[in-house]
Amino acid sequence: MNALYIRLFFILLLLVLFFVKPEFESVTDPGLLGIYIFIFFTAIFIHLFSEWDNKNWFRLDVIFLLGYGIVHFQWPIMSAISDIYPEKYAKVSMTSYQVNYATWLSAIGIVSWFLGYSLLAKKTVPDTVRYSFNYKKLLWLTIILSGLFLSTAGSDYLSGGIYKGSQGTGVGEGVSVYFQLLLSISIIVLTAVVLLDKKDNFDTNSIAWLLSLDKKYLFISIGYVLLFLSIGDRGAAIQVIFAFLILFGSLIRSITLVELIVISIIGGLLLTIIGLGRSAYDGDILSSGLDNLEIMSGYDITLELADSIRTLHSTLATVPGYHDYFYGKLWLDRLLSVIPLAQNIYLQLSEDVTYEMSSAGYITYLKYGLNPTSGEGTSLIADAFINFGLAGVLICLFLLGMFFKKAQNELRLQQSYYWMIIAALLGSIAFYLGRGSLLDPFRLIVWGMGLSYFLVKRRRKNV
């Protein structure tokens, strides 16, 4: 399909959405929701059709769209088509007067993302650039970080006690937070380097190729994934798994649509079991999760992720009616997070408060006040809207789409080593970015690029 026609089609969808724009506050209308849902799926169909020549289905755009769709459209689809609502209305706010507008805003955002994605043309080159790598320094740093994290995280965290009613946080405490973050970034960067280094060794047997990789890397990465799954911290494990699969599908062998569906079903079921089992007071996670597994329908597997839509409803119920837009102030925590302790120093030097440095912090404050018992999180549309309103949603999602397409193009071209690292880091959080902040990739990319620059040596091969 001609690229110009695709862009014009997405522009047309945006115009249609503005034509059927709802009131900011209105009674939930299943008919309107149906229109927005139809536009959402139409845009996805056109996008996937335009990418049909790409036989790899485990790629950045697909993974992002899966997560985004679950967060922003699962509950509207269920309520509009099946008349199913969350059991806890207050948790997801489906009875609020912002449901129509929230769904419309989600549709506007994703169509804008598609437009940005389609704006950058696909590029091809006759030959890819091939490098040989020396990553011993990065490998040893990863080993050292593993030891530092295990020695500082504490038995409460490592035993999964944080999910069993004991004190603690979901990411360890104190300095272990930084060790865990650095460890995850170093493993993802190491994954990219190892796969780039060994991609020419692949024949036809994926298992044989996998077992031929650096044994220290395999031990660390597999051990990391198994450790966090045993704790019940699914996000940390998913980051490494998704980064590997994104790179594997792009560099080594295409992952087919059938394989993607199988991976999604098995992975979703496993993560659901872990989620159910991690809060059990006795027994291991898997057995406890299986005992509590009572899936009545397919949507249960993604229910926890879908419930994140409550953050968008909370935002619309407050901004701009009771509080003006924040004009970027709620991105301060993501910008300052690049420098350790910079947030604390900023708070000491300024008169700002912690909950007005991030959209997740402010949304949590709206529900729990100054002494929150847990975090509410945020969502991509809520994060853009709370900072800059409708214009922010349009512009931010448009730019994000362009960024995703740039990373996807670089995976195809395999010309720029640093863009390959960026693509791996972006892929590690692409699925969960729908329930995160627009700037969530920022620290990952800055730190990952630093590790790559100082700890990895590469030499271009003569082909």
Protein backbone atom coordinates (compact mmCIF):
# COMPACT_ATOMS: atom_id res chain seq x y z
CA MET A 1 0.00 0.00 0.00
CA ASN A 2 1.32 3.44 -0.96
CA ALA A 3 2.80 5.23 2.07
CA LEU A 4 1.08 8.49 1.14
CA TYR A 5 -2.34 6.83 1.11
CA ILE A 6 -1.67 5.34 4.54
CA ARG A 7 -0.82 8.73 6.01
CA LEU A 8 -3.88 10.30 4.43
CA PHE A 9 -6.01 7.51 5.85
CA PHE A 10 -4.77 8.15 9.39
CA ILE A 11 -5.36 11.90 8.94
CA LEU A 12 -8.89 11.07 7.81
CA LEU A 13 -9.42 8.93 10.93
CA LEU A 14 -8.31 11.84 13.10
CA LEU A 15 -10.82 14.12 11.37
CA VAL A 16 -13.58 11.54 11.88
CA LEU A 17 -12.70 11.28 15.57
CA PHE A 18 -12.98 15.04 15.99
CA PHE A 19 -16.34 14.88 14.24
CA VAL A 20 -17.62 12.35 16.82
CA LYS A 21 -15.95 14.00 19.81
CA PRO A 22 -18.01 13.53 23.01
CA GLU A 23 -18.65 16.04 25.76
CA PHE A 24 -15.92 16.13 28.38
CA GLU A 25 -18.45 14.84 30.92
CA SER A 26 -21.31 12.66 29.71
CA VAL A 27 -23.17 9.49 30.58
CA THR A 28 -21.41 6.39 29.25
CA ASP A 29 -22.72 5.72 25.74
CA PRO A 30 -22.08 2.19 24.35
CA GLY A 31 -22.79 3.49 20.84
CA LEU A 32 -20.03 6.09 21.04
CA LEU A 33 -17.65 3.57 22.59
CA GLY A 34 -18.41 1.24 19.70
CA ILE A 35 -17.41 3.93 17.19
CA TYR A 36 -14.11 4.62 18.95
CA ILE A 37 -13.37 0.90 19.25
CA PHE A 38 -14.13 0.38 15.55
CA ILE A 39 -11.75 3.21 14.62
CA PHE A 40 -9.09 1.72 16.89
CA PHE A 41 -9.27 -1.69 15.19
CA THR A 42 -9.50 -0.15 11.73
CA ALA A 43 -6.30 1.79 12.37
CA ILE A 44 -4.57 -1.37 13.63
CA PHE A 45 -5.69 -3.30 10.53
CA ILE A 46 -4.34 -0.65 8.16
CA HIS A 47 -1.08 -0.44 10.08
CA LEU A 48 -0.51 -4.21 10.13
CA PHE A 49 -1.47 -4.47 6.47
CA SER A 50 1.12 -1.83 5.61
CA GLU A 51 3.74 -3.90 7.48
CA TRP A 52 2.68 -7.22 5.96
CA ASP A 53 6.03 -7.74 4.23
CA ASN A 54 7.69 -7.97 7.65
CA LYS A 55 7.39 -11.65 8.54
CA ASN A 56 8.60 -11.08 12.08
CA TRP A 57 5.67 -10.51 14.44
CA PHE A 58 7.55 -10.09 17.70
CA ARG A 59 8.56 -6.52 16.97
CA LEU A 60 8.41 -3.13 18.66
CA ASP A 61 5.16 -1.86 17.16
CA VAL A 62 3.20 -5.07 17.75
CA ILE A 63 4.31 -5.43 21.37
CA PHE A 64 3.54 -1.78 22.11
CA LEU A 65 0.08 -2.03 20.52
CA LEU A 66 -0.76 -5.15 22.53
CA GLY A 67 -0.01 -3.40 25.81
CA TYR A 68 -1.61 -0.11 24.77
CA GLY A 69 -4.78 -1.85 23.59
CA ILE A 70 -5.17 -3.81 26.82
CA VAL A 71 -4.69 -0.75 29.03
CA HIS A 72 -6.86 1.71 27.11
CA PHE A 73 -9.46 -0.43 25.36
CA GLN A 74 -10.08 -3.73 27.16
CA TRP A 75 -12.66 -2.33 29.60
CA PRO A 76 -14.42 -0.13 27.02
CA ILE A 77 -14.69 -3.14 24.67
CA MET A 78 -16.06 -5.37 27.42
CA SER A 79 -18.57 -2.80 28.59
CA ALA A 80 -19.70 -1.75 25.08
CA ILE A 81 -19.99 -5.20 23.54
CA SER A 82 -20.60 -7.63 26.39
CA ASP A 83 -21.99 -5.26 29.02
CA ILE A 84 -19.30 -6.48 31.43
CA TYR A 85 -18.01 -4.06 34.03
CA PRO A 86 -15.27 -4.32 36.65
CA GLU A 87 -16.34 -5.93 39.90
CA LYS A 88 -14.93 -2.96 41.80
CA TYR A 89 -16.39 0.06 40.02
CA ALA A 90 -14.47 2.53 42.16
CA LYS A 91 -11.17 0.91 41.22
CA VAL A 92 -11.59 1.46 37.51
CA SER A 93 -14.10 4.33 37.63
CA MET A 94 -16.27 2.92 34.86
CA THR A 95 -19.29 4.70 36.30
CA SER A 96 -17.68 8.13 36.02
CA TYR A 97 -18.76 10.71 33.47
CA GLN A 98 -15.39 10.60 31.73
CA VAL A 99 -15.58 7.13 30.13
CA ASN A 100 -16.67 8.39 26.69
CA TYR A 101 -14.01 11.10 26.63
CA ALA A 102 -11.30 8.76 27.97
CA THR A 103 -11.97 6.22 25.23
CA TRP A 104 -12.10 8.94 22.57
CA LEU A 105 -8.82 10.38 23.87
CA SER A 106 -7.23 6.92 23.75
CA ALA A 107 -8.36 6.52 20.13
CA ILE A 108 -7.06 9.99 19.21
CA GLY A 109 -3.72 9.15 20.81
CA ILE A 110 -3.15 5.86 19.04
CA VAL A 111 -4.20 7.18 15.62
CA SER A 112 -1.73 10.01 16.14
CA TRP A 113 0.89 7.38 17.02
CA PHE A 114 0.10 5.53 13.78
CA LEU A 115 0.46 8.76 11.81
CA GLY A 116 3.87 9.45 13.36
CA TYR A 117 4.94 5.85 12.73
CA SER A 118 3.89 6.02 9.07
CA LEU A 119 5.68 9.32 8.46
CA LEU A 120 9.16 7.78 8.43
CA ALA A 121 9.69 5.69 5.32
CA LYS A 122 11.13 2.19 5.40
CA LYS A 123 14.73 2.04 4.30
CA THR A 124 16.80 -0.79 2.91
CA VAL A 125 20.51 -1.17 2.29
CA PRO A 126 22.38 -3.76 0.22
CA ASP A 127 24.43 -5.07 3.15
CA THR A 128 24.33 -4.76 6.91
CA VAL A 129 27.34 -3.62 8.89
CA ARG A 130 28.98 -6.45 10.86
CA TYR A 131 31.03 -6.02 14.01
CA SER A 132 33.04 -8.17 16.36
CA PHE A 133 32.73 -7.27 20.03
CA ASN A 134 34.79 -7.38 23.18
CA TYR A 135 32.30 -7.20 26.05
CA LYS A 136 34.34 -8.66 28.92
CA LYS A 137 34.15 -5.45 30.97
CA LEU A 138 30.37 -5.30 30.65
CA LEU A 139 30.07 -9.00 31.47
CA TRP A 140 32.12 -8.66 34.65
CA LEU A 141 30.24 -5.54 35.67
CA THR A 142 27.00 -7.52 35.31
CA ILE A 143 28.41 -10.28 37.51
CA ILE A 144 29.49 -7.76 40.15
CA LEU A 145 26.10 -6.01 40.04
CA SER A 146 24.39 -9.38 40.53
CA GLY A 147 26.39 -9.93 43.71
CA LEU A 148 25.80 -6.39 44.97
CA PHE A 149 22.07 -6.66 44.37
CA LEU A 150 21.74 -10.05 46.07
CA SER A 151 23.71 -8.83 49.08
CA THR A 152 21.70 -5.62 49.56
CA ALA A 153 18.14 -6.51 48.51
CA GLY A 154 17.36 -8.24 51.79
CA SER A 155 15.79 -11.59 52.57
CA ASP A 156 12.28 -10.08 52.71
CA TYR A 157 12.47 -9.07 49.06
CA LEU A 158 14.34 -12.10 47.76
CA SER A 159 11.92 -14.50 49.45
CA GLY A 160 8.90 -12.73 47.99
CA GLY A 161 7.81 -11.52 51.42
CA ILE A 162 6.84 -8.12 50.00
CA TYR A 163 3.79 -9.76 48.46
CA LYS A 164 2.83 -11.73 51.55
CA GLY A 165 1.86 -8.89 53.84
CA SER A 166 5.30 -8.08 55.26
CA GLN A 167 6.99 -4.73 55.03
CA GLY A 168 9.11 -3.73 52.09
CA THR A 169 8.76 -2.44 48.56
CA GLY A 170 8.41 -4.08 45.21
CA VAL A 171 11.91 -3.17 44.11
CA GLY A 172 13.95 -3.83 47.19
CA GLU A 173 15.11 -1.00 49.42
CA GLY A 174 17.81 1.64 49.58
CA VAL A 175 20.85 1.24 47.37
CA SER A 176 19.58 -2.12 46.07
CA VAL A 177 17.12 -0.17 43.91
CA TYR A 178 20.00 1.30 41.92
CA PHE A 179 21.86 -2.02 41.79
CA GLN A 180 18.76 -3.77 40.43
CA LEU A 181 18.14 -1.07 37.83
CA LEU A 182 21.76 -1.07 36.68
CA LEU A 183 21.73 -4.86 36.63
CA SER A 184 18.64 -5.00 34.42
CA ILE A 185 20.05 -2.41 32.01
CA SER A 186 23.43 -4.13 31.83
CA ILE A 187 21.79 -7.50 31.07
CA ILE A 188 19.69 -5.95 28.28
CA VAL A 189 22.73 -4.20 26.77
CA LEU A 190 24.70 -7.43 27.13
CA THR A 191 21.89 -9.29 25.39
CA ALA A 192 22.08 -6.92 22.43
CA VAL A 193 25.85 -7.20 22.19
CA VAL A 194 25.88 -11.02 22.46
CA LEU A 195 23.16 -11.43 19.81
CA LEU A 196 24.86 -8.98 17.46
CA ASP A 197 28.14 -10.80 17.97
CA LYS A 198 26.69 -14.26 17.30
CA LYS A 199 23.93 -13.57 14.77
CA ASP A 200 26.00 -14.85 11.84
CA ASN A 201 26.42 -18.23 13.58
CA PHE A 202 22.74 -19.11 13.29
CA ASP A 203 21.93 -21.98 10.95
CA THR A 204 18.44 -23.43 11.38
CA ASN A 205 18.37 -24.81 14.91
CA SER A 206 17.34 -22.13 17.40
CA ILE A 207 18.08 -24.26 20.48
CA ALA A 208 21.56 -25.20 19.28
CA TRP A 209 22.30 -21.56 18.50
CA LEU A 210 21.03 -20.45 21.92
CA LEU A 211 23.22 -22.99 23.71
CA SER A 212 26.23 -21.77 21.73
CA LEU A 213 26.02 -18.30 23.32
CA ASP A 214 28.38 -17.14 26.04
CA LYS A 215 27.77 -19.45 29.01
CA LYS A 216 28.31 -16.71 31.59
CA TYR A 217 25.74 -14.55 29.82
CA LEU A 218 23.23 -17.41 29.71
CA PHE A 219 23.74 -18.19 33.38
CA ILE A 220 23.29 -14.58 34.48
CA SER A 221 20.30 -13.77 32.28
CA ILE A 222 18.41 -17.02 32.91
CA GLY A 223 19.20 -16.80 36.62
CA TYR A 224 17.93 -13.20 36.69
CA VAL A 225 14.65 -14.14 35.02
CA LEU A 226 14.07 -17.17 37.27
CA LEU A 227 14.94 -15.19 40.41
CA PHE A 228 12.41 -12.45 39.74
CA LEU A 229 9.70 -14.88 38.67
CA SER A 230 10.23 -16.80 41.92
CA ILE A 231 9.93 -13.54 43.86
CA GLY A 232 6.77 -12.64 41.96
CA ASP A 233 8.24 -9.50 40.38
CA ARG A 234 7.04 -10.15 36.83
CA GLY A 235 8.03 -6.81 35.30
CA ALA A 236 11.78 -7.28 35.82
CA ALA A 237 11.71 -10.73 34.20
CA ILE A 238 9.57 -9.55 31.28
CA GLN A 239 12.02 -6.77 30.46
CA VAL A 240 14.86 -9.20 29.79
CA ILE A 241 12.66 -11.74 27.98
CA PHE A 242 11.09 -9.15 25.69
CA ALA A 243 14.42 -7.49 24.87
CA PHE A 244 15.80 -10.90 23.87
CA LEU A 245 12.77 -11.82 21.75
CA ILE A 246 12.65 -8.43 20.02
CA LEU A 247 16.28 -8.81 18.99
CA PHE A 248 15.97 -12.51 18.18
CA GLY A 249 13.02 -11.88 15.85
CA SER A 250 14.79 -9.02 14.10
CA LEU A 251 18.36 -10.30 13.94
CA ILE A 252 18.26 -14.09 14.06
CA ARG A 253 14.97 -15.62 12.88
CA SER A 254 11.51 -14.19 12.31
CA ILE A 255 8.94 -15.05 14.96
CA THR A 256 5.70 -15.95 13.17
CA LEU A 257 2.20 -14.83 14.07
CA VAL A 258 1.34 -18.31 15.33
CA GLU A 259 4.44 -18.32 17.54
CA LEU A 260 3.52 -14.87 18.87
CA ILE A 261 0.01 -16.08 19.78
CA VAL A 262 1.39 -19.20 21.49
CA ILE A 263 3.97 -17.12 23.41
CA SER A 264 1.25 -14.64 24.45
CA ILE A 265 -1.14 -17.33 25.71
CA ILE A 266 1.47 -19.35 27.59
CA GLY A 267 3.21 -16.26 28.92
CA GLY A 268 -0.05 -14.59 29.98
CA LEU A 269 -1.20 -17.72 31.76
CA LEU A 270 2.13 -18.14 33.55
CA LEU A 271 2.20 -14.51 34.67
CA THR A 272 -1.39 -14.80 35.89
CA ILE A 273 -0.48 -17.86 37.98
CA ILE A 274 2.53 -16.02 39.41
CA GLY A 275 0.36 -13.00 40.21
CA LEU A 276 -2.13 -15.18 42.06
CA GLY A 277 0.52 -17.19 43.86
CA ARG A 278 2.85 -14.44 45.00
CA SER A 279 0.48 -13.19 47.69
CA ALA A 280 -0.08 -16.64 49.23
CA TYR A 281 1.16 -16.86 52.80
CA ASP A 282 2.52 -20.39 52.42
CA GLY A 283 3.66 -22.67 49.63
CA ASP A 284 5.59 -21.80 46.51
CA ILE A 285 4.31 -19.34 43.93
CA LEU A 286 3.44 -21.82 41.19
CA SER A 287 1.52 -24.30 43.34
CA SER A 288 -0.30 -21.52 45.20
CA GLY A 289 -1.13 -19.78 41.94
CA LEU A 290 -2.49 -22.95 40.39
CA ASP A 291 -4.65 -23.55 43.48
CA ASN A 292 -6.14 -20.05 43.12
CA LEU A 293 -6.49 -20.13 39.35
CA GLU A 294 -10.13 -19.76 38.40
CA ILE A 295 -10.13 -18.24 34.95
CA MET A 296 -13.73 -17.78 33.87
CA SER A 297 -12.92 -16.13 30.56
CA GLY A 298 -9.91 -15.07 28.49
CA TYR A 299 -9.92 -11.46 29.62
CA ASP A 300 -8.96 -12.48 33.18
CA ILE A 301 -5.37 -13.00 32.01
CA THR A 302 -4.93 -9.30 31.22
CA LEU A 303 -7.26 -7.92 33.87
CA GLU A 304 -4.56 -6.41 36.07
CA LEU A 305 -3.07 -4.51 33.15
CA ALA A 306 -6.50 -3.41 31.91
CA ASP A 307 -7.37 -1.99 35.33
CA SER A 308 -4.71 0.68 34.74
CA ILE A 309 -7.37 2.64 32.82
CA ARG A 310 -8.49 3.93 36.22
CA THR A 311 -5.53 6.32 36.15
CA LEU A 312 -6.86 8.04 33.03
CA HIS A 313 -10.34 8.36 34.52
CA SER A 314 -8.88 9.82 37.74
CA THR A 315 -6.90 12.32 35.68
CA LEU A 316 -9.91 13.48 33.65
CA ALA A 317 -12.01 13.82 36.79
CA THR A 318 -9.47 16.33 38.17
CA VAL A 319 -7.63 18.02 35.29
CA PRO A 320 -8.35 20.63 34.06
CA GLY A 321 -11.60 21.03 36.06
CA TYR A 322 -9.99 21.28 39.50
CA HIS A 323 -6.32 21.72 38.61
CA ASP A 324 -4.67 23.30 35.59
CA TYR A 325 -2.39 21.29 33.30
CA PHE A 326 1.11 20.80 34.66
CA TYR A 327 2.91 21.78 31.43
CA GLY A 328 5.71 19.23 31.78
CA LYS A 329 6.30 19.55 35.51
CA LEU A 330 5.15 15.96 36.06
CA TRP A 331 8.08 14.75 33.95
CA LEU A 332 10.63 16.16 36.40
CA ASP A 333 11.17 12.83 38.15
CA ARG A 334 11.96 11.05 34.88
CA LEU A 335 14.34 13.79 33.75
CA LEU A 336 16.15 14.00 37.10
CA SER A 337 16.29 10.22 37.54
CA VAL A 338 19.22 10.07 35.12
CA ILE A 339 21.41 11.42 37.94
CA PRO A 340 21.27 9.39 41.19
CA LEU A 341 19.92 11.37 44.16
CA ALA A 342 19.14 14.36 41.91
CA GLN A 343 15.45 14.20 42.85
CA ASN A 344 16.20 14.44 46.57
CA ILE A 345 18.59 17.35 46.02
CA TYR A 346 15.99 19.14 43.88
CA LEU A 347 13.30 18.74 46.54
CA GLN A 348 15.62 20.12 49.21
CA LEU A 349 16.51 23.17 47.11
CA SER A 350 12.98 23.89 45.89
CA GLU A 351 9.55 24.21 47.45
CA ASP A 352 8.04 21.45 45.32
CA VAL A 353 6.50 18.30 46.76
CA THR A 354 7.20 14.73 45.71
CA TYR A 355 3.73 13.97 44.39
CA GLU A 356 3.93 16.87 41.91
CA MET A 357 7.00 15.52 40.12
CA SER A 358 5.34 12.64 38.25
CA SER A 359 1.91 11.82 36.90
CA ALA A 360 1.98 8.52 38.83
CA GLY A 361 2.74 10.39 42.05
CA TYR A 362 -0.03 12.93 41.49
CA ILE A 363 -2.63 10.31 40.56
CA THR A 364 -1.68 8.33 43.67
CA TYR A 365 -2.08 11.51 45.73
CA LEU A 366 -5.57 12.03 44.28
CA LYS A 367 -6.68 8.65 45.60
CA TYR A 368 -4.72 8.19 48.82
CA GLY A 369 -3.66 11.66 49.90
CA LEU A 370 -0.29 12.43 51.49
CA ASN A 371 0.14 8.98 53.06
CA PRO A 372 -0.46 6.46 50.26
CA THR A 373 -0.74 2.78 51.13
CA SER A 374 0.22 1.82 47.58
CA GLY A 375 0.92 3.39 44.20
CA GLU A 376 -1.70 3.94 41.52
CA GLY A 377 0.70 4.29 38.63
CA THR A 378 -0.21 6.13 35.45
CA SER A 379 -0.99 5.49 31.78
CA LEU A 380 0.48 6.88 28.59
CA ILE A 381 -2.56 8.97 27.68
CA ALA A 382 -3.05 10.18 31.26
CA ASP A 383 0.62 11.19 31.41
CA ALA A 384 0.42 13.24 28.21
CA PHE A 385 -2.97 14.78 29.02
CA ILE A 386 -2.21 15.78 32.59
CA ASN A 387 0.82 17.71 31.36
CA PHE A 388 -0.41 19.35 28.14
CA GLY A 389 -4.05 18.38 27.56
CA LEU A 390 -5.42 17.24 24.20
CA ALA A 391 -2.59 18.94 22.30
CA GLY A 392 -0.11 17.02 24.42
CA VAL A 393 -1.78 13.71 23.57
CA LEU A 394 -1.68 14.46 19.84
CA ILE A 395 1.89 15.73 19.74
CA CYS A 396 3.45 13.33 22.26
CA LEU A 397 1.93 10.20 20.73
CA PHE A 398 2.85 11.42 17.24
CA LEU A 399 6.49 11.85 18.28
CA LEU A 400 6.47 8.53 20.09
CA GLY A 401 5.26 6.83 16.92
CA MET A 402 8.13 8.37 14.97
CA PHE A 403 10.57 7.20 17.63
CA PHE A 404 9.27 3.64 17.44
CA LYS A 405 9.52 3.66 13.64
CA LYS A 406 13.08 4.98 13.79
CA ALA A 407 14.07 2.18 16.17
CA GLN A 408 12.27 -0.40 14.01
CA ASN A 409 14.00 0.90 10.89
CA GLU A 410 17.39 0.61 12.58
CA LEU A 411 16.65 -2.98 13.55
CA ARG A 412 15.95 -3.66 9.89
CA LEU A 413 19.04 -1.81 8.62
CA GLN A 414 21.47 -3.04 11.30
CA GLN A 415 23.80 -0.13 10.49
CA SER A 416 23.99 1.71 13.81
CA TYR A 417 25.23 -0.15 16.87
CA TYR A 418 23.87 2.43 19.30
CA TRP A 419 20.41 2.38 17.74
CA MET A 420 20.41 -1.39 18.19
CA ILE A 421 21.01 -0.83 21.90
CA ILE A 422 18.21 1.75 22.00
CA ALA A 423 15.86 -0.66 20.25
CA ALA A 424 16.65 -3.39 22.79
CA LEU A 425 16.01 -1.06 25.73
CA LEU A 426 12.82 0.28 24.16
CA GLY A 427 11.65 -3.26 23.44
CA SER A 428 12.17 -4.24 27.05
CA ILE A 429 9.42 -1.85 28.21
CA ALA A 430 7.30 -1.54 25.03
CA PHE A 431 4.55 -3.81 26.36
CA TYR A 432 4.17 -1.93 29.64
CA LEU A 433 4.69 1.56 28.21
CA GLY A 434 0.92 1.91 27.80
CA ARG A 435 0.57 2.04 31.55
CA GLY A 436 3.65 4.16 32.08
CA SER A 437 5.02 7.61 31.45
CA LEU A 438 6.10 8.93 28.07
CA LEU A 439 9.62 9.41 29.43
CA ASP A 440 9.97 5.95 30.98
CA PRO A 441 12.58 4.95 28.35
CA PHE A 442 14.70 8.04 29.06
CA ARG A 443 16.84 6.80 31.95
CA LEU A 444 17.14 3.32 30.46
CA ILE A 445 18.50 4.71 27.21
CA VAL A 446 20.90 7.21 28.80
CA TRP A 447 22.37 4.66 31.22
CA GLY A 448 22.38 1.91 28.60
CA MET A 449 24.23 4.10 26.11
CA GLY A 450 26.76 4.97 28.81
CA LEU A 451 27.43 1.30 29.56
CA SER A 452 27.75 0.57 25.85
CA TYR A 453 30.16 3.43 25.21
CA PHE A 454 32.55 2.79 28.09
CA LEU A 455 32.43 -0.99 28.51
CA VAL A 456 32.00 -2.47 25.02
CA LYS A 457 34.65 -2.37 22.30
CA ARG A 458 33.68 -3.16 18.74
CA ARG A 459 35.56 -3.59 15.51
CA ARG A 460 34.02 -3.49 12.08
CA LYS A 461 34.43 -6.68 10.11
CA ASN A 462 35.62 -6.66 6.53
CA VAL A 463 32.89 -8.40 4.54
